[in-house]
Amino acid sequence: MSLYLWINILAISVPLIASFDHRIQLHKKWKFVIPAIFISMVPYIIWDVIFTHHGFWGFNPEYLQGIDLINLPLEEWLFFIAIPYACIFTHYTLTKLNPGLKLGMEAVKAITVVLLVEFVVLAIIYYDNWYTLIDVIFAFIILGATYKWAAPLLQSYYLTFLVILIPFFIVNGVLTGTGITDEVVWYNEAEFIGIRLGTIPAEDTIYAFSMILLNLLLVEVMGWRKS
């Protein structure tokens, strides 16, 4: 079995089993979580296919099963299921077990404004780095939409994301070459700003921020519609 497939399996296995814990019971939200994950996959898969086609990033066949779907390895498709599920689980576990884990709305407003301005500035400065540009555009749209339609979600997400960053750095670290001979996922140095956190391009933190937030936003919205 390929290393990338193992990473996906390990990432989702514990959260999946623990979803049935009586204190968390995330399985009762699967009717929202599963559609949210598959809907969220659409823009990110399209982005992934285009960037892979143009060589902005790519995958090392040494760490893959060798099965491709629309120019992406099977493991990359599974990434958009395993990682969002693990992150949704982490967010709901933290908020369920710590109901007071919230920022005030004034703090949420201030952080949101700072982030939105930061994304605009990055887009202006690095408009010719495709990964940076598309990354901050996605983040700007998703964060803006969340603040407009589901601002209370940000009260806890700004805090839970800091915890989610820990497994993120472990998983993405391995994917970008930490502790292994070569990278599982490689990046074209010309298409990002060139700053790495260990082996991880700095843009990946914004990528994770927006991808997880989109999943949580969709779960919240579908929950409201159902109720």
Foldseek 3Di string as FASTA:
>chain_A
DFPLQVLLCVLAVVLVVCCVPPLQVCVVLCVQLVVLLVVLVVVVVVVVLVCCVVPQKHFDCNRAPPDDDSNHGPSVSSCSVRLLSSLVSLLRVVCSVPVPQFDDLVVLVVVLVVLLVVLVVQCVVQVVQALSNVLSVLLNVQSVVCCVPPSRVSRNLVVSLVVSVVVVCVSVVVQQPPPDDHHRMGGDCSRAPNDAPNSHGPSVSSNVSSSNSSSVSSSVVVVVVVD
